[in-house]
PDB file of N, CA and C in Angstrom:
ATOM      1  N   MET A   1     -32.265  -8.565   3.893  1.00  0.00           N
ATOM      2  CA  MET A   1     -33.213  -7.837   4.504  1.00  0.00           C
ATOM      3  C   MET A   1     -32.621  -7.405   5.633  1.00  0.00           C
ATOM      4  N   PRO A   2     -32.889  -5.938   5.767  1.00  0.00           N
ATOM      5  CA  PRO A   2     -32.394  -5.244   6.825  1.00  0.00           C
ATOM      6  C   PRO A   2     -33.059  -5.307   8.336  1.00  0.00           C
ATOM      7  N   ASN A   3     -32.110  -5.201   9.115  1.00  0.00           N
ATOM      8  CA  ASN A   3     -32.608  -5.596  10.632  1.00  0.00           C
ATOM      9  C   ASN A   3     -33.633  -4.346  10.939  1.00  0.00           C
ATOM     10  N   PRO A   4     -35.094  -4.609  11.294  1.00  0.00           N
ATOM     11  CA  PRO A   4     -36.094  -3.722  11.615  1.00  0.00           C
ATOM     12  C   PRO A   4     -35.500  -2.819  12.643  1.00  0.00           C
ATOM     13  N   ILE A   5     -34.874  -3.258  13.694  1.00  0.00           N
ATOM     14  CA  ILE A   5     -34.432  -2.660  14.847  1.00  0.00           C
ATOM     15  C   ILE A   5     -33.580  -1.481  14.346  1.00  0.00           C
ATOM     16  N   ILE A   6     -32.392  -1.759  13.470  1.00  0.00           N
ATOM     17  CA  ILE A   6     -31.615  -0.493  13.046  1.00  0.00           C
ATOM     18  C   ILE A   6     -32.246   0.237  12.211  1.00  0.00           C
ATOM     19  N   VAL A   7     -33.237  -0.155  11.219  1.00  0.00           N
ATOM     20  CA  VAL A   7     -34.017   0.892  10.336  1.00  0.00           C
ATOM     21  C   VAL A   7     -34.870   1.668  11.141  1.00  0.00           C
ATOM     22  N   ALA A   8     -35.511   1.483  12.405  1.00  0.00           N
ATOM     23  CA  ALA A   8     -35.876   1.980  13.304  1.00  0.00           C
ATOM     24  C   ALA A   8     -35.283   3.127  14.013  1.00  0.00           C
ATOM     25  N   PHE A   9     -34.201   2.850  14.408  1.00  0.00           N
ATOM     26  CA  PHE A   9     -32.964   3.466  15.101  1.00  0.00           C
ATOM     27  C   PHE A   9     -32.598   4.858  13.956  1.00  0.00           C
ATOM     28  N   MET A  10     -32.151   4.205  12.729  1.00  0.00           N
ATOM     29  CA  MET A  10     -31.910   5.220  11.764  1.00  0.00           C
ATOM     30  C   MET A  10     -32.803   6.208  11.623  1.00  0.00           C
ATOM     31  N   GLY A  11     -34.066   5.473  11.305  1.00  0.00           N
ATOM     32  CA  GLY A  11     -35.318   6.434  10.902  1.00  0.00           C
ATOM     33  C   GLY A  11     -35.494   7.787  12.106  1.00  0.00           C
ATOM     34  N   GLY A  12     -35.304   7.218  13.379  1.00  0.00           N
ATOM     35  CA  GLY A  12     -35.596   8.083  14.563  1.00  0.00           C
ATOM     36  C   GLY A  12     -34.393   9.369  14.561  1.00  0.00           C
ATOM     37  N   ALA A  13     -33.128   8.871  14.200  1.00  0.00           N
ATOM     38  CA  ALA A  13     -31.989   9.713  14.241  1.00  0.00           C
ATOM     39  C   ALA A  13     -32.095  10.646  13.112  1.00  0.00           C
ATOM     40  N   ILE A  14     -32.750  10.284  12.052  1.00  0.00           N
ATOM     41  CA  ILE A  14     -32.482  11.354  10.827  1.00  0.00           C
ATOM     42  C   ILE A  14     -33.683  12.044  11.159  1.00  0.00           C
ATOM     43  N   ALA A  15     -34.831  11.560  11.712  1.00  0.00           N
ATOM     44  CA  ALA A  15     -36.232  12.392  12.063  1.00  0.00           C
ATOM     45  C   ALA A  15     -35.425  13.548  12.914  1.00  0.00           C
ATOM     46  N   MET A  16     -35.035  13.184  13.966  1.00  0.00           N
ATOM     47  CA  MET A  16     -34.485  14.203  15.040  1.00  0.00           C
ATOM     48  C   MET A  16     -33.630  15.346  14.312  1.00  0.00           C
ATOM     49  N   ALA A  17     -32.594  14.607  13.498  1.00  0.00           N
ATOM     50  CA  ALA A  17     -31.836  15.809  12.955  1.00  0.00           C
ATOM     51  C   ALA A  17     -32.755  16.529  11.898  1.00  0.00           C
ATOM     52  N   SER A  18     -33.539  16.206  11.293  1.00  0.00           N
ATOM     53  CA  SER A  18     -34.352  17.295  10.494  1.00  0.00           C
ATOM     54  C   SER A  18     -35.208  18.013  11.470  1.00  0.00           C
ATOM     55  N   LEU A  19     -35.637  17.516  12.508  1.00  0.00           N
ATOM     56  CA  LEU A  19     -36.397  18.627  13.485  1.00  0.00           C
ATOM     57  C   LEU A  19     -35.594  19.404  14.060  1.00  0.00           C
ATOM     58  N   ALA A  20     -34.049  18.854  14.136  1.00  0.00           N
ATOM     59  CA  ALA A  20     -33.361  20.305  14.799  1.00  0.00           C
ATOM     60  C   ALA A  20     -32.902  20.909  13.587  1.00  0.00           C
ATOM     61  N   ALA A  21     -32.627  20.794  12.482  1.00  0.00           N
ATOM     62  CA  ALA A  21     -32.449  21.681  11.374  1.00  0.00           C
ATOM     63  C   ALA A  21     -33.919  22.722  11.104  1.00  0.00           C
ATOM     64  N   GLY A  22     -35.038  22.239  11.375  1.00  0.00           N
ATOM     65  CA  GLY A  22     -36.177  23.024  10.972  1.00  0.00           C
ATOM     66  C   GLY A  22     -35.947  24.265  12.229  1.00  0.00           C
ATOM     67  N   ILE A  23     -35.752  23.695  13.488  1.00  0.00           N
ATOM     68  CA  ILE A  23     -35.334  24.742  14.603  1.00  0.00           C
ATOM     69  C   ILE A  23     -34.271  25.655  14.199  1.00  0.00           C
ATOM     70  N   PHE A  24     -33.363  25.066  13.556  1.00  0.00           N
ATOM     71  CA  PHE A  24     -32.360  25.991  13.329  1.00  0.00           C
ATOM     72  C   PHE A  24     -32.766  27.351  12.417  1.00  0.00           C
ATOM     73  N   PHE A  25     -33.653  26.753  11.399  1.00  0.00           N
ATOM     74  CA  PHE A  25     -34.086  27.522  10.343  1.00  0.00           C
ATOM     75  C   PHE A  25     -35.223  28.620  11.068  1.00  0.00           C
ATOM     76  N   LEU A  26     -35.708  28.040  11.926  1.00  0.00           N
ATOM     77  CA  LEU A  26     -36.976  28.802  12.620  1.00  0.00           C
ATOM     78  C   LEU A  26     -36.575  29.922  13.311  1.00  0.00           C
ATOM     79  N   ARG A  27     -35.277  29.776  13.783  1.00  0.00           N
ATOM     80  CA  ARG A  27     -34.528  30.769  14.597  1.00  0.00           C
ATOM     81  C   ARG A  27     -33.996  31.787  13.703  1.00  0.00           C
ATOM     82  N   PHE A  28     -33.716  31.657  12.386  1.00  0.00           N
ATOM     83  CA  PHE A  28     -32.908  32.545  11.547  1.00  0.00           C
ATOM     84  C   PHE A  28     -34.373  33.348  10.775  1.00  0.00           C
ATOM     85  N   TRP A  29     -35.496  32.490  10.750  1.00  0.00           N
ATOM     86  CA  TRP A  29     -36.693  33.268  10.536  1.00  0.00           C
ATOM     87  C   TRP A  29     -37.547  34.349  11.521  1.00  0.00           C
ATOM     88  N   ALA A  30     -37.318  33.870  12.665  1.00  0.00           N
ATOM     89  CA  ALA A  30     -37.504  34.787  13.862  1.00  0.00           C
ATOM     90  C   ALA A  30     -36.660  35.990  13.917  1.00  0.00           C
ATOM     91  N   ARG A  31     -35.572  35.775  13.388  1.00  0.00           N
ATOM     92  CA  ARG A  31     -34.605  37.073  13.395  1.00  0.00           C
ATOM     93  C   ARG A  31     -34.950  37.898  12.447  1.00  0.00           C
ATOM     94  N   THR A  32     -35.182  37.304  11.268  1.00  0.00           N
ATOM     95  CA  THR A  32     -34.930  38.262   9.823  1.00  0.00           C
ATOM     96  C   THR A  32     -36.476  38.300   9.408  1.00  0.00           C
ATOM     97  N   ARG A  33     -37.201  37.573   9.459  1.00  0.00           N
ATOM     98  CA  ARG A  33     -39.017  37.480   8.971  1.00  0.00           C
ATOM     99  C   ARG A  33     -38.760  37.052   7.655  1.00  0.00           C
ATOM    100  N   ASP A  34     -37.603  36.280   7.187  1.00  0.00           N
ATOM    101  CA  ASP A  34     -37.257  35.979   5.684  1.00  0.00           C
ATOM    102  C   ASP A  34     -38.313  34.779   5.517  1.00  0.00           C
ATOM    103  N   ARG A  35     -39.327  34.764   4.527  1.00  0.00           N
ATOM    104  CA  ARG A  35     -40.173  33.607   4.120  1.00  0.00           C
ATOM    105  C   ARG A  35     -39.209  32.307   3.790  1.00  0.00           C
ATOM    106  N   LEU A  36     -37.890  32.554   3.095  1.00  0.00           N
ATOM    107  CA  LEU A  36     -37.197  31.519   2.797  1.00  0.00           C
ATOM    108  C   LEU A  36     -36.928  30.721   3.821  1.00  0.00           C
ATOM    109  N   PHE A  37     -36.600  31.240   5.106  1.00  0.00           N
ATOM    110  CA  PHE A  37     -36.228  30.303   6.364  1.00  0.00           C
ATOM    111  C   PHE A  37     -37.300  29.772   6.690  1.00  0.00           C
ATOM    112  N   LEU A  38     -38.651  30.333   6.578  1.00  0.00           N
ATOM    113  CA  LEU A  38     -39.716  29.836   7.035  1.00  0.00           C
ATOM    114  C   LEU A  38     -39.916  28.353   6.432  1.00  0.00           C
ATOM    115  N   ALA A  39     -39.737  28.677   4.936  1.00  0.00           N
ATOM    116  CA  ALA A  39     -40.026  27.453   4.065  1.00  0.00           C
ATOM    117  C   ALA A  39     -39.118  26.312   4.331  1.00  0.00           C
ATOM    118  N   PHE A  40     -37.844  26.639   4.847  1.00  0.00           N
ATOM    119  CA  PHE A  40     -36.824  25.696   5.004  1.00  0.00           C
ATOM    120  C   PHE A  40     -37.178  24.974   6.390  1.00  0.00           C
ATOM    121  N   ALA A  41     -37.574  25.655   7.117  1.00  0.00           N
ATOM    122  CA  ALA A  41     -37.858  25.005   8.182  1.00  0.00           C
ATOM    123  C   ALA A  41     -39.211  24.152   8.170  1.00  0.00           C
ATOM    124  N   VAL A  42     -40.086  24.392   7.661  1.00  0.00           N
ATOM    125  CA  VAL A  42     -41.282  23.569   7.442  1.00  0.00           C
ATOM    126  C   VAL A  42     -41.051  22.372   6.379  1.00  0.00           C
ATOM    127  N   ALA A  43     -39.961  22.674   5.629  1.00  0.00           N
ATOM    128  CA  ALA A  43     -39.645  21.544   4.930  1.00  0.00           C
ATOM    129  C   ALA A  43     -39.022  20.591   5.439  1.00  0.00           C
ATOM    130  N   PHE A  44     -38.093  21.069   6.446  1.00  0.00           N
ATOM    131  CA  PHE A  44     -37.294  19.898   7.113  1.00  0.00           C
ATOM    132  C   PHE A  44     -38.201  19.195   8.247  1.00  0.00           C
ATOM    133  N   TRP A  45     -39.241  19.857   8.433  1.00  0.00           N
ATOM    134  CA  TRP A  45     -40.156  19.305   9.655  1.00  0.00           C
ATOM    135  C   TRP A  45     -41.161  18.174   8.696  1.00  0.00           C
ATOM    136  N   LEU A  46     -41.338  18.584   7.467  1.00  0.00           N
ATOM    137  CA  LEU A  46     -42.037  17.499   6.601  1.00  0.00           C
ATOM    138  C   LEU A  46     -41.034  16.104   6.318  1.00  0.00           C
ATOM    139  N   MET A  47     -39.744  16.567   6.321  1.00  0.00           N
ATOM    140  CA  MET A  47     -39.077  15.293   5.975  1.00  0.00           C
ATOM    141  C   MET A  47     -38.749  14.485   7.470  1.00  0.00           C
ATOM    142  N   ALA A  48     -38.920  15.319   8.346  1.00  0.00           N
ATOM    143  CA  ALA A  48     -38.854  14.671   9.599  1.00  0.00           C
ATOM    144  C   ALA A  48     -40.271  13.753   9.983  1.00  0.00           C
ATOM    145  N   LEU A  49     -41.229  13.888   9.596  1.00  0.00           N
ATOM    146  CA  LEU A  49     -42.556  13.369   9.230  1.00  0.00           C
ATOM    147  C   LEU A  49     -42.429  12.284   8.490  1.00  0.00           C
ATOM    148  N   ASN A  50     -41.678  12.416   7.275  1.00  0.00           N
ATOM    149  CA  ASN A  50     -41.427  11.478   6.474  1.00  0.00           C
ATOM    150  C   ASN A  50     -40.587  10.088   6.951  1.00  0.00           C
ATOM    151  N   GLN A  51     -39.549  10.448   7.660  1.00  0.00           N
ATOM    152  CA  GLN A  51     -39.014   9.693   8.310  1.00  0.00           C
ATOM    153  C   GLN A  51     -39.614   8.573   9.351  1.00  0.00           C
ATOM    154  N   ALA A  52     -40.335   9.612  10.351  1.00  0.00           N
ATOM    155  CA  ALA A  52     -40.946   8.855  11.713  1.00  0.00           C
ATOM    156  C   ALA A  52     -42.361   8.231  11.190  1.00  0.00           C
ATOM    157  N   LEU A  53     -42.834   8.343  10.346  1.00  0.00           N
ATOM    158  CA  LEU A  53     -44.173   7.887  10.102  1.00  0.00           C
ATOM    159  C   LEU A  53     -43.988   6.515   9.676  1.00  0.00           C
ATOM    160  N   PRO A  54     -43.170   5.806   8.713  1.00  0.00           N
ATOM    161  CA  PRO A  54     -43.116   4.833   8.456  1.00  0.00           C
ATOM    162  C   PRO A  54     -42.942   3.736   9.752  1.00  0.00           C
ATOM    163  N   VAL A  55     -41.951   4.222  10.769  1.00  0.00           N
ATOM    164  CA  VAL A  55     -41.546   3.599  11.819  1.00  0.00           C
ATOM    165  C   VAL A  55     -42.857   3.407  12.664  1.00  0.00           C
ATOM    166  N   LEU A  56     -43.398   4.555  12.925  1.00  0.00           N
ATOM    167  CA  LEU A  56     -44.553   4.794  13.896  1.00  0.00           C
ATOM    168  C   LEU A  56     -45.870   3.767  13.433  1.00  0.00           C
ATOM    169  N   LEU A  57     -45.911   3.891  12.020  1.00  0.00           N
ATOM    170  CA  LEU A  57     -47.307   3.216  11.406  1.00  0.00           C
ATOM    171  C   LEU A  57     -46.945   1.747  11.275  1.00  0.00           C
ATOM    172  N   GLY A  58     -45.662   1.302  11.423  1.00  0.00           N
ATOM    173  CA  GLY A  58     -45.175  -0.151  11.273  1.00  0.00           C
ATOM    174  C   GLY A  58     -45.192  -0.382   9.719  1.00  0.00           C
ATOM    175  N   LEU A  59     -45.128   0.547   8.944  1.00  0.00           N
ATOM    176  CA  LEU A  59     -44.997   0.070   7.451  1.00  0.00           C
ATOM    177  C   LEU A  59     -43.547  -0.548   7.063  1.00  0.00           C
ATOM    178  N   PRO A  60     -43.903  -1.447   6.501  1.00  0.00           N
ATOM    179  CA  PRO A  60     -42.579  -2.331   5.972  1.00  0.00           C
ATOM    180  C   PRO A  60     -41.686  -1.576   5.163  1.00  0.00           C
ATOM    181  N   ASP A  61     -42.507  -0.809   4.254  1.00  0.00           N
ATOM    182  CA  ASP A  61     -41.685  -0.164   3.254  1.00  0.00           C
ATOM    183  C   ASP A  61     -42.342   1.432   2.700  1.00  0.00           C
ATOM    184  N   GLU A  62     -41.583   2.587   2.957  1.00  0.00           N
ATOM    185  CA  GLU A  62     -42.506   3.759   2.641  1.00  0.00           C
ATOM    186  C   GLU A  62     -43.087   3.874   1.515  1.00  0.00           C
ATOM    187  N   SER A  63     -42.539   3.300   0.372  1.00  0.00           N
ATOM    188  CA  SER A  63     -43.176   3.428  -0.944  1.00  0.00           C
ATOM    189  C   SER A  63     -44.442   2.403  -1.268  1.00  0.00           C
ATOM    190  N   LEU A  64     -44.763   1.832  -0.218  1.00  0.00           N
ATOM    191  CA  LEU A  64     -46.181   1.077  -0.458  1.00  0.00           C
ATOM    192  C   LEU A  64     -47.257   2.247   0.273  1.00  0.00           C
ATOM    193  N   ALA A  65     -46.740   3.035   0.816  1.00  0.00           N
ATOM    194  CA  ALA A  65     -47.823   4.139   1.362  1.00  0.00           C
ATOM    195  C   ALA A  65     -47.573   5.402   0.720  1.00  0.00           C
ATOM    196  N   GLY A  66     -48.657   6.464   0.667  1.00  0.00           N
ATOM    197  CA  GLY A  66     -48.336   7.517   0.392  1.00  0.00           C
ATOM    198  C   GLY A  66     -47.154   8.556   1.198  1.00  0.00           C
ATOM    199  N   VAL A  67     -46.552   8.046   1.939  1.00  0.00           N
ATOM    200  CA  VAL A  67     -45.840   8.810   3.054  1.00  0.00           C
ATOM    201  C   VAL A  67     -44.604   9.410   2.274  1.00  0.00           C
ATOM    202  N   TYR A  68     -44.033   8.770   1.060  1.00  0.00           N
ATOM    203  CA  TYR A  68     -42.910   9.499   0.441  1.00  0.00           C
ATOM    204  C   TYR A  68     -43.626  10.606  -0.252  1.00  0.00           C
ATOM    205  N   LEU A  69     -44.625  11.015  -0.283  1.00  0.00           N
ATOM    206  CA  LEU A  69     -45.369  12.234  -0.886  1.00  0.00           C
ATOM    207  C   LEU A  69     -44.802  13.432  -0.051  1.00  0.00           C
ATOM    208  N   LEU A  70     -44.682  13.208   1.291  1.00  0.00           N
ATOM    209  CA  LEU A  70     -44.249  14.246   2.053  1.00  0.00           C
ATOM    210  C   LEU A  70     -42.938  14.625   1.890  1.00  0.00           C
ATOM    211  N   ARG A  71     -41.895  13.914   1.506  1.00  0.00           N
ATOM    212  CA  ARG A  71     -40.707  14.280   0.870  1.00  0.00           C
ATOM    213  C   ARG A  71     -40.689  14.992  -0.298  1.00  0.00           C
ATOM    214  N   PHE A  72     -41.576  14.570  -1.241  1.00  0.00           N
ATOM    215  CA  PHE A  72     -41.941  15.588  -2.437  1.00  0.00           C
ATOM    216  C   PHE A  72     -42.307  16.737  -1.957  1.00  0.00           C
ATOM    217  N   ALA A  73     -43.347  17.004  -1.212  1.00  0.00           N
ATOM    218  CA  ALA A  73     -43.824  18.196  -0.632  1.00  0.00           C
ATOM    219  C   ALA A  73     -42.876  18.897  -0.146  1.00  0.00           C
ATOM    220  N   ALA A  74     -41.916  18.481   0.567  1.00  0.00           N
ATOM    221  CA  ALA A  74     -40.824  19.377   1.177  1.00  0.00           C
ATOM    222  C   ALA A  74     -39.920  19.924   0.114  1.00  0.00           C
ATOM    223  N   PHE A  75     -39.463  18.986  -0.653  1.00  0.00           N
ATOM    224  CA  PHE A  75     -38.613  19.551  -2.024  1.00  0.00           C
ATOM    225  C   PHE A  75     -39.348  20.607  -2.718  1.00  0.00           C
ATOM    226  N   ALA A  76     -40.527  20.377  -3.007  1.00  0.00           N
ATOM    227  CA  ALA A  76     -41.480  21.156  -3.644  1.00  0.00           C
ATOM    228  C   ALA A  76     -41.494  22.683  -2.945  1.00  0.00           C
ATOM    229  N   LEU A  77     -41.710  22.515  -1.750  1.00  0.00           N
ATOM    230  CA  LEU A  77     -41.450  23.712  -0.823  1.00  0.00           C
ATOM    231  C   LEU A  77     -40.286  24.608  -1.113  1.00  0.00           C
ATOM    232  N   ILE A  78     -39.157  23.871  -0.763  1.00  0.00           N
ATOM    233  CA  ILE A  78     -37.807  24.492  -0.905  1.00  0.00           C
ATOM    234  C   ILE A  78     -37.630  25.132  -2.173  1.00  0.00           C
ATOM    235  N   ILE A  79     -38.041  24.442  -3.539  1.00  0.00           N
ATOM    236  CA  ILE A  79     -37.567  24.815  -4.934  1.00  0.00           C
ATOM    237  C   ILE A  79     -38.952  26.055  -4.963  1.00  0.00           C
ATOM    238  N   LEU A  80     -39.961  25.972  -4.606  1.00  0.00           N
ATOM    239  CA  LEU A  80     -40.940  27.187  -4.531  1.00  0.00           C
ATOM    240  C   LEU A  80     -40.526  28.689  -3.772  1.00  0.00           C
ATOM    241  N   ALA A  81     -39.996  28.303  -2.593  1.00  0.00           N
ATOM    242  CA  ALA A  81     -39.284  29.521  -1.856  1.00  0.00           C
ATOM    243  C   ALA A  81     -38.193  30.001  -2.612  1.00  0.00           C
ATOM    244  N   ILE A  82     -37.376  29.187  -3.176  1.00  0.00           N
ATOM    245  CA  ILE A  82     -36.152  29.762  -3.803  1.00  0.00           C
ATOM    246  C   ILE A  82     -36.530  30.623  -5.072  1.00  0.00           C
ATOM    247  N   VAL A  83     -37.584  29.951  -5.727  1.00  0.00           N
ATOM    248  CA  VAL A  83     -37.957  30.616  -6.877  1.00  0.00           C
ATOM    249  C   VAL A  83     -38.661  32.001  -6.700  1.00  0.00           C
ATOM    250  N   SER A  84     -39.622  31.770  -5.404  1.00  0.00           N
ATOM    251  CA  SER A  84     -40.159  33.269  -5.140  1.00  0.00           C
ATOM    252  C   SER A  84     -39.003  34.214  -4.406  1.00  0.00           C
ATOM    253  N   LYS A  85     -38.160  33.469  -3.915  1.00  0.00           N
ATOM    254  CA  LYS A  85     -37.003  34.636  -3.391  1.00  0.00           C
ATOM    255  C   LYS A  85     -36.428  35.354  -4.702  1.00  0.00           C
ATOM    256  N   ASN A  86     -36.050  34.723  -5.681  1.00  0.00           N
ATOM    257  CA  ASN A  86     -35.272  35.166  -6.633  1.00  0.00           C
ATOM    258  C   ASN A  86     -36.108  35.912  -8.114  1.00  0.00           C
ATOM    259  N   VAL A  87     -37.325  35.641  -7.699  1.00  0.00           N
ATOM    260  CA  VAL A  87     -38.288  36.268  -9.067  1.00  0.00           C
ATOM    261  C   VAL A  87     -38.771  37.624  -8.512  1.00  0.00           C
ATOM    262  N   ARG A  88     -39.080  37.694  -7.239  1.00  0.00           N
ATOM    263  CA  ARG A  88     -39.721  38.795  -6.653  1.00  0.00           C
ATOM    264  C   ARG A  88     -38.953  40.087  -7.039  1.00  0.00           C
ATOM    265  N   PRO A  89     -39.869  41.320  -7.578  1.00  0.00           N
ATOM    266  CA  PRO A  89     -38.746  42.565  -7.713  1.00  0.00           C
ATOM    267  C   PRO A  89     -37.812  43.068  -6.389  1.00  0.00           C
ATOM    268  N   LYS A  90     -36.991  43.695  -6.748  1.00  0.00           N
ATOM    269  CA  LYS A  90     -36.219  44.158  -5.475  1.00  0.00           C
ATOM    270  C   LYS A  90     -36.235  45.479  -5.432  1.00  0.00           C
ATOM    271  N   GLY A  91     -37.446  46.125  -4.690  1.00  0.00           N
ATOM    272  CA  GLY A  91     -37.860  47.321  -4.432  1.00  0.00           C
ATOM    273  C   GLY A  91     -38.543  48.253  -5.687  1.00  0.00           C
ATOM    274  N   GLY A  92     -38.485  49.362  -5.431  1.00  0.00           N
ATOM    275  CA  GLY A  92     -39.637  49.748  -6.379  1.00  0.00           C
ATOM    276  C   GLY A  92     -38.847  51.138  -6.624  1.00  0.00           C
TER     277      GLY A  92
END
């Protein structure tokens, strides 16, 4: 059984890193206005929420709640953004 203090600490560290990555992509979006960067920023923020919610709500296992659906939504958003970027016609 993992130590709950270590699990909470690591969850917080991963959430903080995900928030920082989201801010990093938001900077690129502000500079380029490319929707791909905005999608990556939102996806990383969803992953941060995915890490923080089990700790904040005191859930012993994220698979017991629907929290893992946030991770699914983040990856689906990334996939949709990449597909949208590559399928869109390139000029006219």
